[in-house]
Amino acid sequence: MPQVSLYLNEKTYAKVRRAAEAESISISKWVSEKLDRTISADWPDGFDKLFGSIIDDSFKAPRRDTFTSDAVREKL
């Protein structure tokens, strides 16, 4: 398994150490889990193709303002 070295200031290291202790796991495992969760927080493949894929009359576009009643503005 590859190893990575991290350089943390004392304050950050203390927070990481306390967080790992609170979960009763090693610092290495805590950091690894946080990295895995952050890196895998992507949308699944093909997610962007779902837009408009549901045909249902209850889905309606919101009413758009015409801005005809907007405040009079000074011309620049």
PDB file of N, CA and C in Angstrom:
ATOM      1  N   MET A   1       0.855  -1.179   0.000  1.00  0.00           N
ATOM      2  CA  MET A   1       0.000   0.000   0.000  1.00  0.00           C
ATOM      3  C   MET A   1       0.897   1.236   0.000  1.00  0.00           C
ATOM      4  N   PRO A   2       0.637   2.190  -0.906  1.00  0.00           N
ATOM      5  CA  PRO A   2       1.446   3.409  -0.952  1.00  0.00           C
ATOM      6  C   PRO A   2       1.306   4.223   0.338  1.00  0.00           C
ATOM      7  N   GLN A   3       2.367   4.952   0.642  1.00  0.00           N
ATOM      8  CA  GLN A   3       2.349   5.819   1.817  1.00  0.00           C
ATOM      9  C   GLN A   3       2.501   7.265   1.388  1.00  0.00           C
ATOM     10  N   VAL A   4       1.891   8.157   2.159  1.00  0.00           N
ATOM     11  CA  VAL A   4       1.952   9.588   1.884  1.00  0.00           C
ATOM     12  C   VAL A   4       2.365  10.293   3.161  1.00  0.00           C
ATOM     13  N   SER A   5       3.247  11.266   3.038  1.00  0.00           N
ATOM     14  CA  SER A   5       3.627  12.085   4.192  1.00  0.00           C
ATOM     15  C   SER A   5       2.885  13.405   4.115  1.00  0.00           C
ATOM     16  N   LEU A   6       2.373  13.851   5.236  1.00  0.00           N
ATOM     17  CA  LEU A   6       1.675  15.133   5.310  1.00  0.00           C
ATOM     18  C   LEU A   6       2.412  16.043   6.280  1.00  0.00           C
ATOM     19  N   TYR A   7       2.445  17.305   5.950  1.00  0.00           N
ATOM     20  CA  TYR A   7       3.029  18.291   6.841  1.00  0.00           C
ATOM     21  C   TYR A   7       1.904  19.171   7.346  1.00  0.00           C
ATOM     22  N   LEU A   8       1.622  19.092   8.638  1.00  0.00           N
ATOM     23  CA  LEU A   8       0.546  19.851   9.268  1.00  0.00           C
ATOM     24  C   LEU A   8       1.113  20.726  10.360  1.00  0.00           C
ATOM     25  N   ASN A   9       0.480  21.870  10.572  1.00  0.00           N
ATOM     26  CA  ASN A   9       0.887  22.659  11.728  1.00  0.00           C
ATOM     27  C   ASN A   9       0.348  21.981  12.988  1.00  0.00           C
ATOM     28  N   GLU A  10       0.860  22.367  14.135  1.00  0.00           N
ATOM     29  CA  GLU A  10       0.497  21.710  15.401  1.00  0.00           C
ATOM     30  C   GLU A  10      -1.001  21.785  15.685  1.00  0.00           C
ATOM     31  N   LYS A  11      -1.606  22.922  15.401  1.00  0.00           N
ATOM     32  CA  LYS A  11      -3.031  23.116  15.678  1.00  0.00           C
ATOM     33  C   LYS A  11      -3.886  22.151  14.843  1.00  0.00           C
ATOM     34  N   THR A  12      -3.568  22.039  13.560  1.00  0.00           N
ATOM     35  CA  THR A  12      -4.315  21.146  12.672  1.00  0.00           C
ATOM     36  C   THR A  12      -4.079  19.693  13.063  1.00  0.00           C
ATOM     37  N   TYR A  13      -2.830  19.354  13.377  1.00  0.00           N
ATOM     38  CA  TYR A  13      -2.524  17.987  13.782  1.00  0.00           C
ATOM     39  C   TYR A  13      -3.304  17.606  15.040  1.00  0.00           C
ATOM     40  N   ALA A  14      -3.397  18.513  15.983  1.00  0.00           N
ATOM     41  CA  ALA A  14      -4.141  18.230  17.218  1.00  0.00           C
ATOM     42  C   ALA A  14      -5.613  17.965  16.913  1.00  0.00           C
ATOM     43  N   LYS A  15      -6.195  18.740  15.989  1.00  0.00           N
ATOM     44  CA  LYS A  15      -7.596  18.526  15.611  1.00  0.00           C
ATOM     45  C   LYS A  15      -7.792  17.166  14.944  1.00  0.00           C
ATOM     46  N   VAL A  16      -6.865  16.809  14.059  1.00  0.00           N
ATOM     47  CA  VAL A  16      -6.944  15.518  13.373  1.00  0.00           C
ATOM     48  C   VAL A  16      -6.799  14.388  14.383  1.00  0.00           C
ATOM     49  N   ARG A  17      -5.843  14.520  15.273  1.00  0.00           N
ATOM     50  CA  ARG A  17      -5.616  13.483  16.286  1.00  0.00           C
ATOM     51  C   ARG A  17      -6.849  13.286  17.156  1.00  0.00           C
ATOM     52  N   ARG A  18      -7.462  14.399  17.616  1.00  0.00           N
ATOM     53  CA  ARG A  18      -8.674  14.307  18.455  1.00  0.00           C
ATOM     54  C   ARG A  18      -9.836  13.684  17.688  1.00  0.00           C
ATOM     55  N   ALA A  19      -9.980  14.050  16.412  1.00  0.00           N
ATOM     56  CA  ALA A  19     -11.066  13.498  15.604  1.00  0.00           C
ATOM     57  C   ALA A  19     -10.896  11.985  15.423  1.00  0.00           C
ATOM     58  N   ALA A  20      -9.664  11.557  15.177  1.00  0.00           N
ATOM     59  CA  ALA A  20      -9.394  10.124  15.020  1.00  0.00           C
ATOM     60  C   ALA A  20      -9.635   9.385  16.337  1.00  0.00           C
ATOM     61  N   GLU A  21      -9.221   9.970  17.435  1.00  0.00           N
ATOM     62  CA  GLU A  21      -9.447   9.357  18.745  1.00  0.00           C
ATOM     63  C   GLU A  21     -10.937   9.252  19.046  1.00  0.00           C
ATOM     64  N   ALA A  22     -11.701  10.260  18.683  1.00  0.00           N
ATOM     65  CA  ALA A  22     -13.139  10.254  18.927  1.00  0.00           C
ATOM     66  C   ALA A  22     -13.832   9.122  18.169  1.00  0.00           C
ATOM     67  N   GLU A  23     -13.282   8.738  17.022  1.00  0.00           N
ATOM     68  CA  GLU A  23     -13.844   7.647  16.228  1.00  0.00           C
ATOM     69  C   GLU A  23     -13.155   6.315  16.523  1.00  0.00           C
ATOM     70  N   SER A  24     -12.206   6.333  17.462  1.00  0.00           N
ATOM     71  CA  SER A  24     -11.443   5.140  17.860  1.00  0.00           C
ATOM     72  C   SER A  24     -10.752   4.469  16.670  1.00  0.00           C
ATOM     73  N   ILE A  25     -10.154   5.303  15.807  1.00  0.00           N
ATOM     74  CA  ILE A  25      -9.395   4.784  14.678  1.00  0.00           C
ATOM     75  C   ILE A  25      -8.056   5.514  14.613  1.00  0.00           C
ATOM     76  N   SER A  26      -7.145   4.975  13.824  1.00  0.00           N
ATOM     77  CA  SER A  26      -5.831   5.596  13.698  1.00  0.00           C
ATOM     78  C   SER A  26      -5.944   6.889  12.885  1.00  0.00           C
ATOM     79  N   ILE A  27      -4.950   7.738  13.058  1.00  0.00           N
ATOM     80  CA  ILE A  27      -4.903   8.981  12.286  1.00  0.00           C
ATOM     81  C   ILE A  27      -4.834   8.653  10.799  1.00  0.00           C
ATOM     82  N   SER A  28      -4.041   7.663  10.434  1.00  0.00           N
ATOM     83  CA  SER A  28      -3.904   7.267   9.042  1.00  0.00           C
ATOM     84  C   SER A  28      -5.252   6.847   8.452  1.00  0.00           C
ATOM     85  N   LYS A  29      -5.996   6.036   9.194  1.00  0.00           N
ATOM     86  CA  LYS A  29      -7.304   5.579   8.716  1.00  0.00           C
ATOM     87  C   LYS A  29      -8.279   6.747   8.641  1.00  0.00           C
ATOM     88  N   TRP A  30      -8.244   7.647   9.604  1.00  0.00           N
ATOM     89  CA  TRP A  30      -9.145   8.807   9.603  1.00  0.00           C
ATOM     90  C   TRP A  30      -8.899   9.678   8.373  1.00  0.00           C
ATOM     91  N   VAL A  31      -7.617   9.992   8.118  1.00  0.00           N
ATOM     92  CA  VAL A  31      -7.267  10.815   6.959  1.00  0.00           C
ATOM     93  C   VAL A  31      -7.650  10.093   5.670  1.00  0.00           C
ATOM     94  N   SER A  32      -7.383   8.808   5.587  1.00  0.00           N
ATOM     95  CA  SER A  32      -7.704   8.030   4.395  1.00  0.00           C
ATOM     96  C   SER A  32      -9.206   8.051   4.117  1.00  0.00           C
ATOM     97  N   GLU A  33     -10.022   7.877   5.153  1.00  0.00           N
ATOM     98  CA  GLU A  33     -11.486   7.899   4.981  1.00  0.00           C
ATOM     99  C   GLU A  33     -11.963   9.270   4.511  1.00  0.00           C
ATOM    100  N   LYS A  34     -11.391  10.330   5.078  1.00  0.00           N
ATOM    101  CA  LYS A  34     -11.797  11.685   4.673  1.00  0.00           C
ATOM    102  C   LYS A  34     -11.411  11.949   3.220  1.00  0.00           C
ATOM    103  N   LEU A  35     -10.226  11.515   2.819  1.00  0.00           N
ATOM    104  CA  LEU A  35      -9.799  11.692   1.425  1.00  0.00           C
ATOM    105  C   LEU A  35     -10.690  10.890   0.476  1.00  0.00           C
ATOM    106  N   ASP A  36     -10.981   9.645   0.833  1.00  0.00           N
ATOM    107  CA  ASP A  36     -11.849   8.819  -0.006  1.00  0.00           C
ATOM    108  C   ASP A  36     -13.217   9.470  -0.189  1.00  0.00           C
ATOM    109  N   ARG A  37     -13.782   9.972   0.891  1.00  0.00           N
ATOM    110  CA  ARG A  37     -15.101  10.591   0.837  1.00  0.00           C
ATOM    111  C   ARG A  37     -15.067  11.858  -0.018  1.00  0.00           C
ATOM    112  N   THR A  38     -14.016  12.638   0.090  1.00  0.00           N
ATOM    113  CA  THR A  38     -13.896  13.881  -0.676  1.00  0.00           C
ATOM    114  C   THR A  38     -13.686  13.605  -2.157  1.00  0.00           C
ATOM    115  N   ILE A  39     -12.834  12.676  -2.457  1.00  0.00           N
ATOM    116  CA  ILE A  39     -12.512  12.370  -3.854  1.00  0.00           C
ATOM    117  C   ILE A  39     -13.684  11.703  -4.562  1.00  0.00           C
ATOM    118  N   SER A  40     -14.436  10.880  -3.871  1.00  0.00           N
ATOM    119  CA  SER A  40     -15.529  10.163  -4.518  1.00  0.00           C
ATOM    120  C   SER A  40     -16.840  10.945  -4.483  1.00  0.00           C
ATOM    121  N   ALA A  41     -16.802  12.220  -4.115  1.00  0.00           N
ATOM    122  CA  ALA A  41     -18.015  13.028  -4.042  1.00  0.00           C
ATOM    123  C   ALA A  41     -18.363  13.619  -5.402  1.00  0.00           C
ATOM    124  N   ASP A  42     -18.190  12.828  -6.448  1.00  0.00           N
ATOM    125  CA  ASP A  42     -18.487  13.253  -7.806  1.00  0.00           C
ATOM    126  C   ASP A  42     -19.863  12.742  -8.210  1.00  0.00           C
ATOM    127  N   TRP A  43     -20.444  13.367  -9.212  1.00  0.00           N
ATOM    128  CA  TRP A  43     -21.698  12.863  -9.765  1.00  0.00           C
ATOM    129  C   TRP A  43     -21.393  11.589 -10.538  1.00  0.00           C
ATOM    130  N   PRO A  44     -22.302  10.630 -10.534  1.00  0.00           N
ATOM    131  CA  PRO A  44     -22.066   9.399 -11.289  1.00  0.00           C
ATOM    132  C   PRO A  44     -22.044   9.661 -12.799  1.00  0.00           C
ATOM    133  N   ASP A  45     -21.374   8.793 -13.530  1.00  0.00           N
ATOM    134  CA  ASP A  45     -21.322   8.920 -14.989  1.00  0.00           C
ATOM    135  C   ASP A  45     -22.733   8.945 -15.559  1.00  0.00           C
ATOM    136  N   GLY A  46     -22.965   9.828 -16.505  1.00  0.00           N
ATOM    137  CA  GLY A  46     -24.260   9.921 -17.159  1.00  0.00           C
ATOM    138  C   GLY A  46     -25.299  10.737 -16.418  1.00  0.00           C
ATOM    139  N   PHE A  47     -24.949  11.259 -15.252  1.00  0.00           N
ATOM    140  CA  PHE A  47     -25.919  12.030 -14.466  1.00  0.00           C
ATOM    141  C   PHE A  47     -26.446  13.226 -15.247  1.00  0.00           C
ATOM    142  N   ASP A  48     -25.577  13.890 -16.001  1.00  0.00           N
ATOM    143  CA  ASP A  48     -25.979  15.072 -16.754  1.00  0.00           C
ATOM    144  C   ASP A  48     -26.969  14.742 -17.868  1.00  0.00           C
ATOM    145  N   LYS A  49     -27.063  13.505 -18.258  1.00  0.00           N
ATOM    146  CA  LYS A  49     -27.984  13.109 -19.321  1.00  0.00           C
ATOM    147  C   LYS A  49     -29.404  12.888 -18.783  1.00  0.00           C
ATOM    148  N   LEU A  50     -29.605  12.928 -17.473  1.00  0.00           N
ATOM    149  CA  LEU A  50     -30.922  12.710 -16.882  1.00  0.00           C
ATOM    150  C   LEU A  50     -31.847  13.910 -17.028  1.00  0.00           C
ATOM    151  N   PHE A  51     -31.287  15.097 -17.268  1.00  0.00           N
ATOM    152  CA  PHE A  51     -32.103  16.294 -17.367  1.00  0.00           C
ATOM    153  C   PHE A  51     -33.162  16.128 -18.449  1.00  0.00           C
ATOM    154  N   GLY A  52     -34.406  16.343 -18.084  1.00  0.00           N
ATOM    155  CA  GLY A  52     -35.517  16.236 -19.019  1.00  0.00           C
ATOM    156  C   GLY A  52     -35.962  14.815 -19.295  1.00  0.00           C
ATOM    157  N   SER A  53     -35.461  13.848 -18.548  1.00  0.00           N
ATOM    158  CA  SER A  53     -35.798  12.454 -18.826  1.00  0.00           C
ATOM    159  C   SER A  53     -37.123  12.026 -18.197  1.00  0.00           C
ATOM    160  N   ILE A  54     -37.698  12.838 -17.307  1.00  0.00           N
ATOM    161  CA  ILE A  54     -38.976  12.504 -16.684  1.00  0.00           C
ATOM    162  C   ILE A  54     -40.088  13.241 -17.418  1.00  0.00           C
ATOM    163  N   ILE A  55     -41.040  12.491 -17.916  1.00  0.00           N
ATOM    164  CA  ILE A  55     -42.191  13.097 -18.575  1.00  0.00           C
ATOM    165  C   ILE A  55     -43.347  13.033 -17.585  1.00  0.00           C
ATOM    166  N   ASP A  56     -43.689  14.173 -17.026  1.00  0.00           N
ATOM    167  CA  ASP A  56     -44.721  14.239 -15.996  1.00  0.00           C
ATOM    168  C   ASP A  56     -45.317  15.637 -16.028  1.00  0.00           C
ATOM    169  N   ASP A  57     -46.630  15.746 -16.135  1.00  0.00           N
ATOM    170  CA  ASP A  57     -47.293  17.044 -16.217  1.00  0.00           C
ATOM    171  C   ASP A  57     -47.141  17.882 -14.953  1.00  0.00           C
ATOM    172  N   SER A  58     -46.787  17.253 -13.837  1.00  0.00           N
ATOM    173  CA  SER A  58     -46.647  18.022 -12.607  1.00  0.00           C
ATOM    174  C   SER A  58     -45.349  18.826 -12.579  1.00  0.00           C
ATOM    175  N   PHE A  59     -44.427  18.512 -13.476  1.00  0.00           N
ATOM    176  CA  PHE A  59     -43.192  19.280 -13.563  1.00  0.00           C
ATOM    177  C   PHE A  59     -43.406  20.424 -14.540  1.00  0.00           C
ATOM    178  N   LYS A  60     -43.469  21.623 -14.025  1.00  0.00           N
ATOM    179  CA  LYS A  60     -43.714  22.790 -14.868  1.00  0.00           C
ATOM    180  C   LYS A  60     -42.607  23.812 -14.641  1.00  0.00           C
ATOM    181  N   ALA A  61     -42.286  24.523 -15.696  1.00  0.00           N
ATOM    182  CA  ALA A  61     -41.287  25.582 -15.579  1.00  0.00           C
ATOM    183  C   ALA A  61     -41.851  26.695 -14.703  1.00  0.00           C
ATOM    184  N   PRO A  62     -41.042  27.293 -13.847  1.00  0.00           N
ATOM    185  CA  PRO A  62     -41.534  28.382 -12.996  1.00  0.00           C
ATOM    186  C   PRO A  62     -41.904  29.609 -13.823  1.00  0.00           C
ATOM    187  N   ARG A  63     -42.863  30.372 -13.316  1.00  0.00           N
ATOM    188  CA  ARG A  63     -43.265  31.607 -13.979  1.00  0.00           C
ATOM    189  C   ARG A  63     -42.109  32.589 -13.917  1.00  0.00           C
ATOM    190  N   ARG A  64     -41.841  33.238 -15.018  1.00  0.00           N
ATOM    191  CA  ARG A  64     -40.736  34.190 -15.073  1.00  0.00           C
ATOM    192  C   ARG A  64     -41.284  35.605 -15.064  1.00  0.00           C
ATOM    193  N   ASP A  65     -40.662  36.460 -14.275  1.00  0.00           N
ATOM    194  CA  ASP A  65     -41.049  37.862 -14.243  1.00  0.00           C
ATOM    195  C   ASP A  65     -40.647  38.536 -15.551  1.00  0.00           C
ATOM    196  N   THR A  66     -41.481  39.492 -15.982  1.00  0.00           N
ATOM    197  CA  THR A  66     -41.168  40.236 -17.207  1.00  0.00           C
ATOM    198  C   THR A  66     -40.385  41.504 -16.900  1.00  0.00           C
ATOM    199  N   PHE A  67     -40.307  41.868 -15.649  1.00  0.00           N
ATOM    200  CA  PHE A  67     -39.605  43.059 -15.180  1.00  0.00           C
ATOM    201  C   PHE A  67     -40.233  44.347 -15.712  1.00  0.00           C
ATOM    202  N   THR A  68     -41.513  44.293 -16.086  1.00  0.00           N
ATOM    203  CA  THR A  68     -42.182  45.509 -16.539  1.00  0.00           C
ATOM    204  C   THR A  68     -42.459  46.459 -15.389  1.00  0.00           C
ATOM    205  N   SER A  69     -42.508  45.943 -14.192  1.00  0.00           N
ATOM    206  CA  SER A  69     -42.765  46.795 -13.041  1.00  0.00           C
ATOM    207  C   SER A  69     -41.481  47.130 -12.292  1.00  0.00           C
ATOM    208  N   ASP A  70     -40.354  47.017 -12.952  1.00  0.00           N
ATOM    209  CA  ASP A  70     -39.069  47.310 -12.335  1.00  0.00           C
ATOM    210  C   ASP A  70     -38.969  48.808 -12.050  1.00  0.00           C
ATOM    211  N   ALA A  71     -38.158  49.177 -11.106  1.00  0.00           N
ATOM    212  CA  ALA A  71     -37.982  50.591 -10.731  1.00  0.00           C
ATOM    213  C   ALA A  71     -37.331  51.348 -11.888  1.00  0.00           C
ATOM    214  N   VAL A  72     -37.682  52.616 -12.030  1.00  0.00           N
ATOM    215  CA  VAL A  72     -37.074  53.463 -13.039  1.00  0.00           C
ATOM    216  C   VAL A  72     -35.623  53.707 -12.638  1.00  0.00           C
ATOM    217  N   ARG A  73     -34.731  53.543 -13.573  1.00  0.00           N
ATOM    218  CA  ARG A  73     -33.317  53.694 -13.270  1.00  0.00           C
ATOM    219  C   ARG A  73     -32.723  54.850 -14.043  1.00  0.00           C
ATOM    220  N   GLU A  74     -31.731  55.452 -13.453  1.00  0.00           N
ATOM    221  CA  GLU A  74     -31.019  56.575 -14.086  1.00  0.00           C
ATOM    222  C   GLU A  74     -30.208  56.046 -15.260  1.00  0.00           C
ATOM    223  N   LYS A  75     -30.303  56.720 -16.393  1.00  0.00           N
ATOM    224  CA  LYS A  75     -29.518  56.316 -17.571  1.00  0.00           C
ATOM    225  C   LYS A  75     -28.086  56.795 -17.397  1.00  0.00           C
ATOM    226  N   LEU A  76     -27.166  55.954 -17.691  1.00  0.00           N
ATOM    227  CA  LEU A  76     -25.752  56.309 -17.555  1.00  0.00           C
ATOM    228  C   LEU A  76     -25.162  56.764 -18.866  1.00  0.00           C
TER     229      LEU A  76
END
